[in-house]
Amino acid sequence: MVPFGKVGEHIVAEPFRPFRISLTGGKQVDILNPEMILLGRNSVRVYAGGGKNTAWEDVSLSQMQAIDLINS
């Protein structure tokens, strides 16, 4: 599980640096800008998709295994 504070630190970092969230089950979610993620108390809502399939997906903090910066 990734702590609430660690997620928040990545979202508000100045300058923002893109990061990847690794979830249980092997799925990964890339956060390329801070507008792609909303932090709640026990979960995040991430923007997943583009074009016709735009959607927000809720992810529990307990499903997060790691957060890593994406090297540009």
Foldseek 3Di string as FASTA:
>chain_A
DDDLVVVVCQLPDVVHFKKWWAFPVGDIDIDHHSVQWDRDPFWIWGFDDDDPPTDIDIDGPVGTDDMGTDDD
